[in-house]
Amino acid sequence: GEYERCRKTTRLCVVMGFAFSTALSVVFYALGENVLRFYTNEPAVMEIGLVRMRYCLLMQFISVFMDVFSGSLRGLGYSLIPALIALASSCGFRLLWVYAVFPKSATFTTLVQAYPLSWLIGSAGTVLAYVIVSRRIGKKCGITGSKKVDVKISPANN
């Protein structure tokens, strides 16, 4: 049914997103200075760019979980939950980081470390929300474990 197809699509998107994100990140990181030359030839700017690539680009795979599970939640009719999680992790955590951690070590490295950490928090929250919502929908529809049944997803089921 539609519910099982949604679950299968979510799994497929996580695998594909993880694979492509990781592969492209590694390629772009390996080409680091060559990629950055499109933007600048200044050694100091290149150095900062490489730091950002190390902390953000190589950790980009973490955000795949937040992105895919947020989309799945929206597809299941739960759009507010991922929006609040994104607000708390992307905005709230980063503001907290800038005011609480950054002043103790005011470096660019400290600043960019907030990105993968916020993705990790957002991903954990979104995956947890997806599991809870998915189980809730499964219970409403009489689905337990991996039992496959024909269930139509509609706002009335939420």
N, C-alpha and C. Protein backbone atom coordinates (compact mmCIF):
# COMPACT_ATOMS: atom_id res chain seq x y z
N GLY A 1 0.82 -1.19 0.00
CA GLY A 1 0.00 0.00 0.00
C GLY A 1 0.87 1.25 0.00
N GLU A 2 0.22 2.36 0.10
CA GLU A 2 0.92 3.65 0.08
C GLU A 2 1.87 3.82 1.25
N TYR A 3 1.45 3.36 2.42
CA TYR A 3 2.29 3.52 3.61
C TYR A 3 3.61 2.76 3.45
N GLU A 4 3.53 1.52 3.00
CA GLU A 4 4.74 0.72 2.81
C GLU A 4 5.61 1.32 1.71
N ARG A 5 4.98 1.86 0.67
CA ARG A 5 5.74 2.50 -0.41
C ARG A 5 6.48 3.73 0.13
N CYS A 6 5.84 4.48 1.03
CA CYS A 6 6.49 5.64 1.65
C CYS A 6 7.71 5.22 2.46
N ARG A 7 7.57 4.14 3.21
CA ARG A 7 8.68 3.65 4.02
C ARG A 7 9.83 3.18 3.13
N LYS A 8 9.49 2.46 2.06
CA LYS A 8 10.51 1.96 1.14
C LYS A 8 11.23 3.12 0.44
N THR A 9 10.47 4.12 0.04
CA THR A 9 11.06 5.29 -0.61
C THR A 9 11.97 6.04 0.34
N THR A 10 11.58 6.15 1.59
CA THR A 10 12.42 6.81 2.59
C THR A 10 13.76 6.08 2.73
N ARG A 11 13.71 4.77 2.84
CA ARG A 11 14.95 3.99 2.95
C ARG A 11 15.83 4.18 1.72
N LEU A 12 15.22 4.13 0.54
CA LEU A 12 15.96 4.30 -0.71
C LEU A 12 16.60 5.68 -0.79
N CYS A 13 15.86 6.71 -0.39
CA CYS A 13 16.39 8.08 -0.41
C CYS A 13 17.55 8.26 0.56
N VAL A 14 17.48 7.62 1.71
CA VAL A 14 18.58 7.71 2.67
C VAL A 14 19.84 7.07 2.08
N VAL A 15 19.69 5.89 1.51
CA VAL A 15 20.85 5.20 0.94
C VAL A 15 21.43 6.01 -0.22
N MET A 16 20.58 6.45 -1.13
CA MET A 16 21.06 7.22 -2.28
C MET A 16 21.67 8.55 -1.85
N GLY A 17 20.99 9.25 -0.95
CA GLY A 17 21.49 10.54 -0.47
C GLY A 17 22.83 10.40 0.22
N PHE A 18 22.94 9.38 1.06
CA PHE A 18 24.18 9.13 1.78
C PHE A 18 25.31 8.82 0.79
N ALA A 19 25.03 7.94 -0.17
CA ALA A 19 26.05 7.54 -1.14
C ALA A 19 26.50 8.72 -2.00
N PHE A 20 25.55 9.45 -2.56
CA PHE A 20 25.91 10.57 -3.42
C PHE A 20 26.57 11.70 -2.64
N SER A 21 26.04 12.00 -1.48
CA SER A 21 26.62 13.07 -0.66
C SER A 21 28.05 12.74 -0.27
N THR A 22 28.27 11.52 0.16
CA THR A 22 29.61 11.11 0.56
C THR A 22 30.57 11.12 -0.63
N ALA A 23 30.13 10.55 -1.74
CA ALA A 23 31.00 10.49 -2.92
C ALA A 23 31.36 11.88 -3.42
N LEU A 24 30.37 12.74 -3.57
CA LEU A 24 30.64 14.09 -4.08
C LEU A 24 31.48 14.90 -3.09
N SER A 25 31.22 14.73 -1.82
CA SER A 25 32.00 15.45 -0.81
C SER A 25 33.47 15.05 -0.86
N VAL A 26 33.72 13.76 -0.97
CA VAL A 26 35.10 13.28 -1.03
C VAL A 26 35.79 13.80 -2.30
N VAL A 27 35.09 13.77 -3.42
CA VAL A 27 35.67 14.26 -4.68
C VAL A 27 36.00 15.74 -4.56
N PHE A 28 35.03 16.55 -4.10
CA PHE A 28 35.27 17.99 -4.00
C PHE A 28 36.35 18.31 -2.96
N TYR A 29 36.39 17.54 -1.88
CA TYR A 29 37.43 17.77 -0.88
C TYR A 29 38.81 17.42 -1.46
N ALA A 30 38.88 16.32 -2.21
CA ALA A 30 40.15 15.93 -2.83
C ALA A 30 40.63 16.98 -3.83
N LEU A 31 39.68 17.65 -4.46
CA LEU A 31 40.02 18.70 -5.42
C LEU A 31 40.10 20.07 -4.77
N GLY A 32 40.00 20.09 -3.45
CA GLY A 32 39.93 21.29 -2.63
C GLY A 32 40.43 22.59 -3.21
N GLU A 33 41.73 22.73 -3.34
CA GLU A 33 42.32 23.99 -3.81
C GLU A 33 41.90 24.31 -5.24
N ASN A 34 41.78 23.28 -6.06
CA ASN A 34 41.35 23.51 -7.45
C ASN A 34 39.93 24.06 -7.50
N VAL A 35 39.06 23.54 -6.65
CA VAL A 35 37.67 24.04 -6.59
C VAL A 35 37.66 25.47 -6.08
N LEU A 36 38.42 25.73 -5.05
CA LEU A 36 38.45 27.07 -4.45
C LEU A 36 39.03 28.13 -5.39
N ARG A 37 39.86 27.71 -6.33
CA ARG A 37 40.45 28.65 -7.29
C ARG A 37 39.39 29.28 -8.20
N PHE A 38 38.23 28.66 -8.28
CA PHE A 38 37.13 29.28 -9.03
C PHE A 38 36.69 30.58 -8.35
N TYR A 39 36.94 30.67 -7.05
CA TYR A 39 36.48 31.81 -6.27
C TYR A 39 37.59 32.79 -5.90
N THR A 40 38.79 32.28 -5.69
CA THR A 40 39.87 33.16 -5.23
C THR A 40 41.23 32.53 -5.49
N ASN A 41 42.24 33.39 -5.48
CA ASN A 41 43.63 32.93 -5.54
C ASN A 41 44.40 33.37 -4.30
N GLU A 42 43.71 34.03 -3.38
CA GLU A 42 44.33 34.52 -2.14
C GLU A 42 44.63 33.34 -1.21
N PRO A 43 45.88 33.15 -0.81
CA PRO A 43 46.24 32.03 0.07
C PRO A 43 45.46 32.00 1.39
N ALA A 44 45.25 33.14 2.00
CA ALA A 44 44.53 33.18 3.28
C ALA A 44 43.07 32.74 3.11
N VAL A 45 42.45 33.18 2.03
CA VAL A 45 41.07 32.80 1.76
C VAL A 45 40.98 31.32 1.42
N MET A 46 41.97 30.83 0.69
CA MET A 46 42.03 29.40 0.34
C MET A 46 42.14 28.55 1.61
N GLU A 47 42.95 29.01 2.54
CA GLU A 47 43.13 28.28 3.80
C GLU A 47 41.81 28.19 4.57
N ILE A 48 41.09 29.29 4.64
CA ILE A 48 39.79 29.30 5.31
C ILE A 48 38.80 28.41 4.58
N GLY A 49 38.84 28.45 3.26
CA GLY A 49 37.96 27.60 2.45
C GLY A 49 38.21 26.13 2.70
N LEU A 50 39.47 25.76 2.85
CA LEU A 50 39.81 24.36 3.11
C LEU A 50 39.35 23.93 4.50
N VAL A 51 39.42 24.83 5.46
CA VAL A 51 38.90 24.52 6.80
C VAL A 51 37.40 24.27 6.73
N ARG A 52 36.70 25.14 6.02
CA ARG A 52 35.24 24.97 5.89
C ARG A 52 34.92 23.67 5.17
N MET A 53 35.70 23.35 4.14
CA MET A 53 35.47 22.09 3.43
C MET A 53 35.69 20.90 4.35
N ARG A 54 36.72 20.96 5.18
CA ARG A 54 37.02 19.85 6.09
C ARG A 54 35.87 19.61 7.06
N TYR A 55 35.34 20.67 7.64
CA TYR A 55 34.31 20.51 8.67
C TYR A 55 32.90 20.41 8.12
N CYS A 56 32.63 21.09 7.03
CA CYS A 56 31.26 21.10 6.50
C CYS A 56 31.07 20.12 5.35
N LEU A 57 31.93 20.17 4.38
CA LEU A 57 31.77 19.33 3.20
C LEU A 57 31.91 17.85 3.55
N LEU A 58 32.94 17.50 4.31
CA LEU A 58 33.14 16.09 4.65
C LEU A 58 32.09 15.56 5.62
N MET A 59 31.38 16.43 6.28
CA MET A 59 30.32 16.01 7.21
C MET A 59 28.92 16.18 6.62
N GLN A 60 28.85 16.57 5.37
CA GLN A 60 27.58 16.85 4.72
C GLN A 60 26.64 15.65 4.75
N PHE A 61 27.18 14.45 4.74
CA PHE A 61 26.35 13.25 4.76
C PHE A 61 25.40 13.21 5.96
N ILE A 62 25.78 13.88 7.05
CA ILE A 62 24.93 13.90 8.25
C ILE A 62 23.59 14.56 7.95
N SER A 63 23.63 15.62 7.15
CA SER A 63 22.39 16.35 6.87
C SER A 63 21.43 15.56 5.99
N VAL A 64 21.91 14.52 5.33
CA VAL A 64 21.03 13.68 4.51
C VAL A 64 19.89 13.13 5.36
N PHE A 65 20.20 12.70 6.56
CA PHE A 65 19.18 12.11 7.42
C PHE A 65 18.10 13.13 7.78
N MET A 66 18.52 14.33 8.11
CA MET A 66 17.56 15.38 8.44
C MET A 66 16.71 15.73 7.22
N ASP A 67 17.35 15.86 6.08
CA ASP A 67 16.64 16.24 4.86
C ASP A 67 15.63 15.18 4.42
N VAL A 68 16.06 13.93 4.38
CA VAL A 68 15.18 12.85 3.91
C VAL A 68 14.03 12.60 4.88
N PHE A 69 14.34 12.50 6.16
CA PHE A 69 13.27 12.21 7.11
C PHE A 69 12.32 13.40 7.29
N SER A 70 12.82 14.62 7.11
CA SER A 70 11.93 15.79 7.11
C SER A 70 10.96 15.71 5.95
N GLY A 71 11.48 15.38 4.78
CA GLY A 71 10.62 15.24 3.60
C GLY A 71 9.60 14.13 3.78
N SER A 72 10.02 13.04 4.38
CA SER A 72 9.10 11.92 4.62
C SER A 72 8.00 12.31 5.60
N LEU A 73 8.37 13.03 6.64
CA LEU A 73 7.36 13.50 7.60
C LEU A 73 6.36 14.42 6.92
N ARG A 74 6.87 15.31 6.08
CA ARG A 74 5.97 16.21 5.35
C ARG A 74 5.04 15.41 4.44
N GLY A 75 5.59 14.41 3.79
CA GLY A 75 4.80 13.56 2.91
C GLY A 75 3.72 12.79 3.65
N LEU A 76 3.97 12.50 4.91
CA LEU A 76 2.97 11.82 5.73
C LEU A 76 1.98 12.79 6.36
N GLY A 77 2.14 14.07 6.07
CA GLY A 77 1.19 15.07 6.56
C GLY A 77 1.62 15.78 7.84
N TYR A 78 2.87 15.60 8.25
CA TYR A 78 3.38 16.21 9.47
C TYR A 78 4.46 17.23 9.11
N SER A 79 4.07 18.42 8.74
CA SER A 79 5.05 19.42 8.30
C SER A 79 5.58 20.30 9.44
N LEU A 80 4.82 20.47 10.49
CA LEU A 80 5.25 21.34 11.58
C LEU A 80 6.41 20.74 12.37
N ILE A 81 6.38 19.44 12.58
CA ILE A 81 7.42 18.77 13.37
C ILE A 81 8.81 18.99 12.78
N PRO A 82 9.04 18.68 11.51
CA PRO A 82 10.41 18.92 10.98
C PRO A 82 10.77 20.40 10.94
N ALA A 83 9.78 21.26 10.76
CA ALA A 83 10.07 22.70 10.75
C ALA A 83 10.58 23.15 12.12
N LEU A 84 9.95 22.67 13.17
CA LEU A 84 10.37 23.04 14.53
C LEU A 84 11.73 22.44 14.88
N ILE A 85 11.96 21.22 14.42
CA ILE A 85 13.27 20.59 14.66
C ILE A 85 14.37 21.37 13.93
N ALA A 86 14.11 21.74 12.69
CA ALA A 86 15.09 22.52 11.93
C ALA A 86 15.34 23.87 12.58
N LEU A 87 14.29 24.51 13.05
CA LEU A 87 14.43 25.80 13.73
C LEU A 87 15.29 25.66 14.98
N ALA A 88 15.01 24.63 15.77
CA ALA A 88 15.76 24.43 17.01
C ALA A 88 17.21 24.05 16.75
N SER A 89 17.45 23.16 15.79
CA SER A 89 18.82 22.69 15.56
C SER A 89 19.64 23.67 14.72
N SER A 90 19.07 24.15 13.63
CA SER A 90 19.83 25.03 12.75
C SER A 90 19.97 26.44 13.29
N CYS A 91 18.90 26.97 13.82
CA CYS A 91 18.96 28.34 14.34
C CYS A 91 19.30 28.37 15.83
N GLY A 92 18.51 27.68 16.62
CA GLY A 92 18.69 27.71 18.07
C GLY A 92 20.05 27.23 18.52
N PHE A 93 20.45 26.05 18.05
CA PHE A 93 21.74 25.50 18.47
C PHE A 93 22.89 26.39 18.00
N ARG A 94 22.82 26.86 16.75
CA ARG A 94 23.91 27.68 16.23
C ARG A 94 24.03 29.01 16.98
N LEU A 95 22.91 29.60 17.34
CA LEU A 95 22.96 30.83 18.14
C LEU A 95 23.57 30.55 19.51
N LEU A 96 23.15 29.46 20.11
CA LEU A 96 23.71 29.05 21.41
C LEU A 96 25.22 28.83 21.28
N TRP A 97 25.64 28.19 20.21
CA TRP A 97 27.06 27.93 19.96
C TRP A 97 27.85 29.24 19.85
N VAL A 98 27.30 30.18 19.08
CA VAL A 98 27.98 31.46 18.87
C VAL A 98 28.12 32.23 20.17
N TYR A 99 27.11 32.18 21.03
CA TYR A 99 27.15 32.93 22.28
C TYR A 99 27.84 32.18 23.42
N ALA A 100 27.82 30.84 23.41
CA ALA A 100 28.38 30.10 24.53
C ALA A 100 29.75 29.49 24.26
N VAL A 101 29.98 28.99 23.07
CA VAL A 101 31.23 28.29 22.77
C VAL A 101 32.24 29.17 22.03
N PHE A 102 31.77 29.86 21.02
CA PHE A 102 32.66 30.67 20.18
C PHE A 102 33.49 31.69 20.96
N PRO A 103 32.92 32.39 21.95
CA PRO A 103 33.75 33.36 22.68
C PRO A 103 34.94 32.74 23.41
N LYS A 104 34.85 31.45 23.76
CA LYS A 104 35.95 30.78 24.46
C LYS A 104 37.09 30.41 23.51
N SER A 105 36.77 30.29 22.23
CA SER A 105 37.78 29.98 21.22
C SER A 105 37.32 30.61 19.91
N ALA A 106 37.59 31.88 19.79
CA ALA A 106 37.07 32.67 18.66
C ALA A 106 37.90 32.46 17.40
N THR A 107 37.75 31.25 16.82
CA THR A 107 38.43 30.93 15.58
C THR A 107 37.40 30.52 14.53
N PHE A 108 37.80 30.59 13.29
CA PHE A 108 36.91 30.16 12.22
C PHE A 108 36.57 28.68 12.37
N THR A 109 37.53 27.88 12.78
CA THR A 109 37.30 26.45 12.99
C THR A 109 36.20 26.23 14.01
N THR A 110 36.26 26.94 15.12
CA THR A 110 35.23 26.81 16.15
C THR A 110 33.87 27.19 15.58
N LEU A 111 33.84 28.20 14.79
CA LEU A 111 32.58 28.66 14.20
C LEU A 111 31.98 27.61 13.27
N VAL A 112 32.78 27.05 12.36
CA VAL A 112 32.23 26.09 11.40
C VAL A 112 31.92 24.73 12.01
N GLN A 113 32.46 24.44 13.17
CA GLN A 113 32.13 23.18 13.84
C GLN A 113 30.67 23.14 14.25
N ALA A 114 30.04 24.28 14.35
CA ALA A 114 28.62 24.33 14.71
C ALA A 114 27.75 23.69 13.64
N TYR A 115 28.17 23.77 12.38
CA TYR A 115 27.34 23.22 11.29
C TYR A 115 27.14 21.72 11.40
N PRO A 116 28.20 20.90 11.39
CA PRO A 116 27.94 19.46 11.49
C PRO A 116 27.28 19.06 12.80
N LEU A 117 27.58 19.78 13.87
CA LEU A 117 26.93 19.46 15.14
C LEU A 117 25.42 19.76 15.07
N SER A 118 25.07 20.87 14.44
CA SER A 118 23.64 21.19 14.31
C SER A 118 22.95 20.20 13.38
N TRP A 119 23.66 19.72 12.35
CA TRP A 119 23.08 18.70 11.47
C TRP A 119 22.87 17.40 12.24
N LEU A 120 23.80 17.07 13.12
CA LEU A 120 23.68 15.85 13.91
C LEU A 120 22.47 15.94 14.84
N ILE A 121 22.32 17.07 15.51
CA ILE A 121 21.17 17.27 16.40
C ILE A 121 19.86 17.23 15.61
N GLY A 122 19.83 17.94 14.49
CA GLY A 122 18.63 17.96 13.65
C GLY A 122 18.30 16.59 13.09
N SER A 123 19.33 15.87 12.67
CA SER A 123 19.11 14.53 12.13
C SER A 123 18.57 13.59 13.19
N ALA A 124 19.16 13.63 14.37
CA ALA A 124 18.69 12.77 15.46
C ALA A 124 17.23 13.08 15.80
N GLY A 125 16.91 14.35 15.90
CA GLY A 125 15.53 14.74 16.21
C GLY A 125 14.55 14.35 15.13
N THR A 126 14.94 14.52 13.89
CA THR A 126 14.05 14.21 12.77
C THR A 126 13.85 12.70 12.62
N VAL A 127 14.92 11.93 12.78
CA VAL A 127 14.79 10.48 12.70
C VAL A 127 13.90 9.98 13.84
N LEU A 128 14.11 10.50 15.04
CA LEU A 128 13.26 10.12 16.18
C LEU A 128 11.80 10.46 15.91
N ALA A 129 11.55 11.65 15.41
CA ALA A 129 10.18 12.06 15.10
C ALA A 129 9.57 11.15 14.04
N TYR A 130 10.36 10.80 13.03
CA TYR A 130 9.87 9.92 11.98
C TYR A 130 9.50 8.55 12.54
N VAL A 131 10.34 8.00 13.41
CA VAL A 131 10.06 6.70 14.01
C VAL A 131 8.77 6.76 14.82
N ILE A 132 8.61 7.81 15.61
CA ILE A 132 7.40 7.95 16.44
C ILE A 132 6.15 8.10 15.56
N VAL A 133 6.21 8.97 14.57
CA VAL A 133 5.06 9.19 13.68
C VAL A 133 4.77 7.93 12.88
N SER A 134 5.81 7.28 12.38
CA SER A 134 5.64 6.08 11.59
C SER A 134 4.96 4.97 12.41
N ARG A 135 5.39 4.82 13.63
CA ARG A 135 4.76 3.81 14.51
C ARG A 135 3.31 4.17 14.81
N ARG A 136 3.07 5.46 15.01
CA ARG A 136 1.71 5.93 15.29
C ARG A 136 0.79 5.63 14.11
N ILE A 137 1.26 5.93 12.92
CA ILE A 137 0.46 5.65 11.72
C ILE A 137 0.28 4.14 11.57
N GLY A 138 1.35 3.39 11.81
CA GLY A 138 1.27 1.93 11.73
C GLY A 138 0.25 1.36 12.68
N LYS A 139 0.21 1.87 13.91
CA LYS A 139 -0.76 1.39 14.89
C LYS A 139 -2.19 1.73 14.47
N LYS A 140 -2.38 2.96 13.97
CA LYS A 140 -3.71 3.36 13.51
C LYS A 140 -4.21 2.48 12.38
N CYS A 141 -3.26 2.03 11.57
CA CYS A 141 -3.62 1.24 10.39
C CYS A 141 -3.55 -0.26 10.67
N GLY A 142 -3.19 -0.63 11.90
CA GLY A 142 -3.11 -2.04 12.25
C GLY A 142 -1.87 -2.74 11.75
N ILE A 143 -0.79 -1.98 11.55
CA ILE A 143 0.45 -2.56 11.06
C ILE A 143 1.39 -2.76 12.24
N THR A 144 1.92 -3.97 12.38
CA THR A 144 2.91 -4.24 13.41
C THR A 144 4.13 -4.86 12.76
N GLY A 145 5.29 -4.47 13.21
CA GLY A 145 6.53 -5.00 12.67
C GLY A 145 6.68 -4.70 11.20
N SER A 146 7.06 -5.71 10.43
CA SER A 146 7.28 -5.50 9.00
C SER A 146 6.12 -6.04 8.17
N LYS A 147 5.00 -6.30 8.80
CA LYS A 147 3.82 -6.80 8.10
C LYS A 147 3.39 -5.79 7.03
N LYS A 148 3.19 -6.28 5.81
CA LYS A 148 2.79 -5.41 4.72
C LYS A 148 1.28 -5.52 4.51
N VAL A 149 0.62 -4.38 4.51
CA VAL A 149 -0.81 -4.34 4.23
C VAL A 149 -1.08 -3.17 3.29
N ASP A 150 -2.24 -3.18 2.68
CA ASP A 150 -2.62 -2.11 1.76
C ASP A 150 -3.29 -1.00 2.56
N VAL A 151 -2.56 0.10 2.78
CA VAL A 151 -3.07 1.23 3.56
C VAL A 151 -2.94 2.49 2.71
N LYS A 152 -3.99 3.25 2.61
CA LYS A 152 -3.96 4.52 1.89
C LYS A 152 -3.65 5.62 2.90
N ILE A 153 -2.66 6.44 2.61
CA ILE A 153 -2.31 7.57 3.46
C ILE A 153 -3.12 8.78 3.03
N SER A 154 -3.85 9.32 3.95
CA SER A 154 -4.60 10.55 3.67
C SER A 154 -4.68 11.36 4.95
N PRO A 155 -5.01 12.64 4.84
CA PRO A 155 -5.11 13.46 6.04
C PRO A 155 -6.07 12.87 7.09
N ALA A 156 -7.05 12.12 6.65
CA ALA A 156 -7.99 11.52 7.59
C ALA A 156 -7.32 10.46 8.47
N ASN A 157 -6.24 9.85 7.96
CA ASN A 157 -5.52 8.83 8.74
C ASN A 157 -4.62 9.44 9.79
N ASN A 158 -4.34 10.74 9.69
CA ASN A 158 -3.41 11.37 10.63
C ASN A 158 -4.08 11.66 11.88
